[in-house]
Structures are given as C-alpha cells and as structure tokens.
Amino acid sequence: MDNGSAIGVPAMNFEPVATLEDLDSLDEQDIIAGYRSAARGDPEPGANRGRAFWHGWRCGMFDLGELKPDVTHRNLVALYLGRERGRLKGQ
C-alpha cells in the first residue's frame, strides 16, 4: 500500500490506523512523539520507528496541512470524535 511520502522517498509500510480498537492498541507516548516530530519539521520516520510513532507523525502532517488527509484518516477522526462526544454526554 502506498501511504504517500511527504519527502519523495518510499513511505513506511504501515497500514493506516482505521479503527478505534487499533488506535487504542498503540502506545500513546509514541504517538505524541511522532506528532511532535512532524511539528519540528522532521522527515517521515524510518524503519527505526514503529507504527505508533508513524501514526503520530502522519497526524501531525495532516494537521499542519503538509499531507492531505485520506479517507481512512477522516473516518478515524469521525469515530474518535463520536466516542469523545459520547463520553462528554455521559458525565
């Protein structure tokens, strides 16, 4: 699967996160580290980083407007927001 590369080199061979269960299985600190990496302008992570870091980097690039969010990402965001809104209503 071609996940698209922001810097013109082959993208990592990770499947984009598509479900809340998948998202919840990733290490949150690695996601945050990846997001911060994107915010610093770092290039797409290499093989020394895992899927959680890559997911965070990818989210950061979407938020910065450097990558166009794909359908999988947009659907995940909708699922996440729906879950969070449900939690807020339950308080």
N, C-alpha and C. Protein backbone atom coordinates (compact mmCIF):
# COMPACT_ATOMS: atom_id res chain seq x y z
N MET A 1 0.84 -1.19 0.00
CA MET A 1 0.00 0.00 0.00
C MET A 1 0.87 1.24 0.00
N ASP A 2 0.59 2.19 -0.83
CA ASP A 2 1.33 3.44 -0.88
C ASP A 2 0.65 4.43 0.04
N ASN A 3 1.31 4.75 1.14
CA ASN A 3 0.75 5.69 2.11
C ASN A 3 1.12 7.12 1.78
N GLY A 4 1.89 7.30 0.72
CA GLY A 4 2.30 8.64 0.32
C GLY A 4 3.44 9.13 1.17
N SER A 5 4.39 9.73 0.59
CA SER A 5 5.53 10.25 1.31
C SER A 5 5.59 11.75 1.15
N ALA A 6 5.86 12.42 2.23
CA ALA A 6 5.93 13.87 2.20
C ALA A 6 7.25 14.38 1.62
N ILE A 7 8.26 13.50 1.54
CA ILE A 7 9.56 14.00 1.13
C ILE A 7 10.10 13.30 -0.11
N GLY A 8 9.27 12.54 -0.79
CA GLY A 8 9.69 11.96 -2.05
C GLY A 8 10.46 10.66 -1.94
N VAL A 9 10.47 10.03 -0.79
CA VAL A 9 11.09 8.71 -0.63
C VAL A 9 10.00 7.71 -0.30
N PRO A 10 10.27 6.43 -0.51
CA PRO A 10 9.22 5.44 -0.24
C PRO A 10 8.67 5.57 1.18
N ALA A 11 7.36 5.49 1.28
CA ALA A 11 6.70 5.59 2.58
C ALA A 11 6.91 4.31 3.37
N MET A 12 6.78 4.40 4.67
CA MET A 12 6.87 3.22 5.52
C MET A 12 5.75 2.27 5.15
N ASN A 13 5.97 1.02 5.38
CA ASN A 13 4.97 0.01 5.04
C ASN A 13 4.05 -0.29 6.21
N PHE A 14 3.47 0.72 6.78
CA PHE A 14 2.49 0.57 7.85
C PHE A 14 1.11 0.81 7.29
N GLU A 15 0.17 0.05 7.77
CA GLU A 15 -1.23 0.28 7.42
C GLU A 15 -1.73 1.46 8.24
N PRO A 16 -2.43 2.40 7.63
CA PRO A 16 -3.01 3.49 8.41
C PRO A 16 -3.98 2.95 9.46
N VAL A 17 -4.05 3.63 10.57
CA VAL A 17 -4.96 3.25 11.65
C VAL A 17 -6.38 3.51 11.18
N ALA A 18 -7.24 2.49 11.29
CA ALA A 18 -8.59 2.62 10.73
C ALA A 18 -9.70 2.43 11.75
N THR A 19 -9.39 1.88 12.92
CA THR A 19 -10.43 1.63 13.93
C THR A 19 -10.01 2.17 15.28
N LEU A 20 -10.97 2.39 16.14
CA LEU A 20 -10.66 2.84 17.49
C LEU A 20 -9.91 1.77 18.27
N GLU A 21 -10.24 0.51 18.02
CA GLU A 21 -9.55 -0.58 18.69
C GLU A 21 -8.07 -0.58 18.30
N ASP A 22 -7.80 -0.34 17.03
CA ASP A 22 -6.43 -0.27 16.55
C ASP A 22 -5.73 0.93 17.18
N LEU A 23 -6.37 2.07 17.19
CA LEU A 23 -5.79 3.27 17.80
C LEU A 23 -5.48 3.03 19.27
N ASP A 24 -6.42 2.43 19.99
CA ASP A 24 -6.24 2.19 21.42
C ASP A 24 -5.12 1.20 21.71
N SER A 25 -4.75 0.40 20.72
CA SER A 25 -3.68 -0.59 20.93
C SER A 25 -2.29 0.03 20.78
N LEU A 26 -2.22 1.24 20.24
CA LEU A 26 -0.92 1.89 20.02
C LEU A 26 -0.46 2.62 21.28
N ASP A 27 0.84 2.74 21.43
CA ASP A 27 1.42 3.43 22.57
C ASP A 27 1.21 4.94 22.42
N GLU A 28 0.49 5.51 23.36
CA GLU A 28 0.13 6.93 23.29
C GLU A 28 1.36 7.84 23.30
N GLN A 29 2.38 7.48 24.08
CA GLN A 29 3.58 8.31 24.14
C GLN A 29 4.34 8.29 22.81
N ASP A 30 4.32 7.16 22.13
CA ASP A 30 4.94 7.09 20.80
C ASP A 30 4.17 7.93 19.79
N ILE A 31 2.84 7.93 19.89
CA ILE A 31 2.03 8.77 19.00
C ILE A 31 2.36 10.24 19.22
N ILE A 32 2.43 10.64 20.47
CA ILE A 32 2.75 12.04 20.80
C ILE A 32 4.15 12.41 20.29
N ALA A 33 5.11 11.51 20.47
CA ALA A 33 6.47 11.77 19.99
C ALA A 33 6.49 11.94 18.47
N GLY A 34 5.72 11.12 17.76
CA GLY A 34 5.65 11.25 16.31
C GLY A 34 5.02 12.56 15.89
N TYR A 35 3.96 12.95 16.59
CA TYR A 35 3.28 14.22 16.29
C TYR A 35 4.25 15.39 16.47
N ARG A 36 4.99 15.35 17.56
CA ARG A 36 5.96 16.42 17.82
C ARG A 36 7.07 16.44 16.79
N SER A 37 7.44 15.25 16.32
CA SER A 37 8.44 15.16 15.27
C SER A 37 7.97 15.88 14.01
N ALA A 38 6.72 15.67 13.64
CA ALA A 38 6.16 16.37 12.47
C ALA A 38 6.14 17.88 12.70
N ALA A 39 5.78 18.28 13.92
CA ALA A 39 5.72 19.71 14.23
C ALA A 39 7.09 20.38 14.12
N ARG A 40 8.14 19.60 14.39
CA ARG A 40 9.51 20.13 14.24
C ARG A 40 9.95 20.18 12.79
N GLY A 41 9.18 19.57 11.92
CA GLY A 41 9.54 19.54 10.51
C GLY A 41 10.41 18.36 10.13
N ASP A 42 10.47 17.36 11.01
CA ASP A 42 11.27 16.17 10.71
C ASP A 42 10.69 15.42 9.52
N PRO A 43 11.54 14.74 8.76
CA PRO A 43 11.05 13.94 7.63
C PRO A 43 10.31 12.71 8.13
N GLU A 44 9.65 12.04 7.20
CA GLU A 44 8.92 10.83 7.54
C GLU A 44 9.85 9.86 8.27
N PRO A 45 9.37 9.28 9.38
CA PRO A 45 10.23 8.40 10.15
C PRO A 45 10.65 7.16 9.36
N GLY A 46 11.81 6.67 9.71
CA GLY A 46 12.36 5.49 9.04
C GLY A 46 12.02 4.22 9.79
N ALA A 47 12.72 3.17 9.41
CA ALA A 47 12.46 1.83 9.95
C ALA A 47 12.81 1.72 11.43
N ASN A 48 13.51 2.70 11.97
CA ASN A 48 13.86 2.66 13.39
C ASN A 48 12.69 3.10 14.28
N ARG A 49 11.59 3.48 13.69
CA ARG A 49 10.40 3.90 14.43
C ARG A 49 9.26 2.93 14.17
N GLY A 50 8.36 2.84 15.12
CA GLY A 50 7.23 1.92 14.98
C GLY A 50 6.00 2.59 14.41
N ARG A 51 4.96 1.81 14.34
CA ARG A 51 3.70 2.25 13.73
C ARG A 51 3.05 3.38 14.53
N ALA A 52 3.13 3.33 15.86
CA ALA A 52 2.52 4.39 16.67
C ALA A 52 3.19 5.73 16.39
N PHE A 53 4.52 5.73 16.34
CA PHE A 53 5.25 6.96 16.04
C PHE A 53 4.87 7.46 14.65
N TRP A 54 4.84 6.55 13.67
CA TRP A 54 4.46 6.92 12.31
C TRP A 54 3.05 7.50 12.26
N HIS A 55 2.11 6.89 13.01
CA HIS A 55 0.74 7.40 13.05
C HIS A 55 0.73 8.83 13.59
N GLY A 56 1.45 9.07 14.66
CA GLY A 56 1.52 10.41 15.23
C GLY A 56 2.12 11.41 14.27
N TRP A 57 3.20 10.99 13.59
CA TRP A 57 3.84 11.88 12.60
C TRP A 57 2.86 12.22 11.49
N ARG A 58 2.15 11.18 11.02
CA ARG A 58 1.18 11.37 9.94
C ARG A 58 0.06 12.33 10.38
N CYS A 59 -0.43 12.17 11.59
CA CYS A 59 -1.48 13.07 12.10
C CYS A 59 -0.96 14.51 12.16
N GLY A 60 0.27 14.66 12.61
CA GLY A 60 0.86 15.99 12.65
C GLY A 60 0.97 16.61 11.28
N MET A 61 1.36 15.81 10.30
CA MET A 61 1.47 16.32 8.94
C MET A 61 0.10 16.71 8.38
N PHE A 62 -0.93 15.96 8.73
CA PHE A 62 -2.29 16.33 8.30
C PHE A 62 -2.68 17.66 8.94
N ASP A 63 -2.46 17.77 10.25
CA ASP A 63 -2.84 18.99 10.96
C ASP A 63 -2.08 20.21 10.46
N LEU A 64 -0.84 20.02 10.06
CA LEU A 64 -0.03 21.12 9.54
C LEU A 64 -0.37 21.46 8.09
N GLY A 65 -1.17 20.62 7.45
CA GLY A 65 -1.51 20.85 6.05
C GLY A 65 -0.44 20.39 5.08
N GLU A 66 0.54 19.63 5.57
CA GLU A 66 1.61 19.14 4.71
C GLU A 66 1.18 17.92 3.91
N LEU A 67 0.24 17.15 4.44
CA LEU A 67 -0.35 16.00 3.75
C LEU A 67 -1.86 16.18 3.75
N LYS A 68 -2.48 15.72 2.69
CA LYS A 68 -3.94 15.78 2.61
C LYS A 68 -4.50 14.53 3.30
N PRO A 69 -5.39 14.71 4.29
CA PRO A 69 -5.96 13.55 4.98
C PRO A 69 -6.69 12.63 4.00
N ASP A 70 -6.42 11.35 4.14
CA ASP A 70 -7.09 10.37 3.28
C ASP A 70 -8.41 9.93 3.93
N VAL A 71 -9.16 9.14 3.21
CA VAL A 71 -10.47 8.69 3.69
C VAL A 71 -10.34 7.92 5.00
N THR A 72 -9.34 7.07 5.10
CA THR A 72 -9.15 6.29 6.32
C THR A 72 -8.95 7.19 7.52
N HIS A 73 -8.14 8.22 7.35
CA HIS A 73 -7.89 9.14 8.46
C HIS A 73 -9.15 9.94 8.81
N ARG A 74 -9.84 10.42 7.81
CA ARG A 74 -11.07 11.19 8.07
C ARG A 74 -12.09 10.33 8.80
N ASN A 75 -12.22 9.07 8.42
CA ASN A 75 -13.16 8.17 9.10
C ASN A 75 -12.74 7.91 10.54
N LEU A 76 -11.44 7.73 10.77
CA LEU A 76 -10.95 7.53 12.13
C LEU A 76 -11.23 8.75 13.00
N VAL A 77 -11.00 9.91 12.47
CA VAL A 77 -11.28 11.14 13.22
C VAL A 77 -12.77 11.21 13.59
N ALA A 78 -13.65 10.88 12.67
CA ALA A 78 -15.09 10.89 12.95
C ALA A 78 -15.43 9.90 14.05
N LEU A 79 -14.84 8.71 14.00
CA LEU A 79 -15.09 7.72 15.05
C LEU A 79 -14.59 8.21 16.40
N TYR A 80 -13.40 8.79 16.40
CA TYR A 80 -12.81 9.29 17.65
C TYR A 80 -13.65 10.41 18.25
N LEU A 81 -14.05 11.35 17.42
CA LEU A 81 -14.86 12.46 17.91
C LEU A 81 -16.21 11.98 18.43
N GLY A 82 -16.80 11.00 17.74
CA GLY A 82 -18.06 10.44 18.21
C GLY A 82 -17.92 9.80 19.57
N ARG A 83 -16.83 9.07 19.78
CA ARG A 83 -16.59 8.45 21.08
C ARG A 83 -16.38 9.51 22.16
N GLU A 84 -15.61 10.53 21.86
CA GLU A 84 -15.34 11.57 22.86
C GLU A 84 -16.61 12.35 23.19
N ARG A 85 -17.43 12.63 22.20
CA ARG A 85 -18.69 13.34 22.46
C ARG A 85 -19.60 12.48 23.35
N GLY A 86 -19.62 11.19 23.10
CA GLY A 86 -20.40 10.28 23.94
C GLY A 86 -19.92 10.28 25.37
N ARG A 87 -18.61 10.35 25.57
CA ARG A 87 -18.05 10.40 26.93
C ARG A 87 -18.45 11.69 27.62
N LEU A 88 -18.45 12.80 26.89
CA LEU A 88 -18.82 14.08 27.48
C LEU A 88 -20.29 14.10 27.89
N LYS A 89 -21.13 13.51 27.05
CA LYS A 89 -22.56 13.46 27.37
C LYS A 89 -22.83 12.59 28.60
N GLY A 90 -21.99 11.60 28.80
CA GLY A 90 -22.17 10.67 29.92
C GLY A 90 -21.70 11.22 31.25
N GLN A 91 -21.10 12.40 31.25
CA GLN A 91 -20.57 12.96 32.51
C GLN A 91 -21.67 13.60 33.33
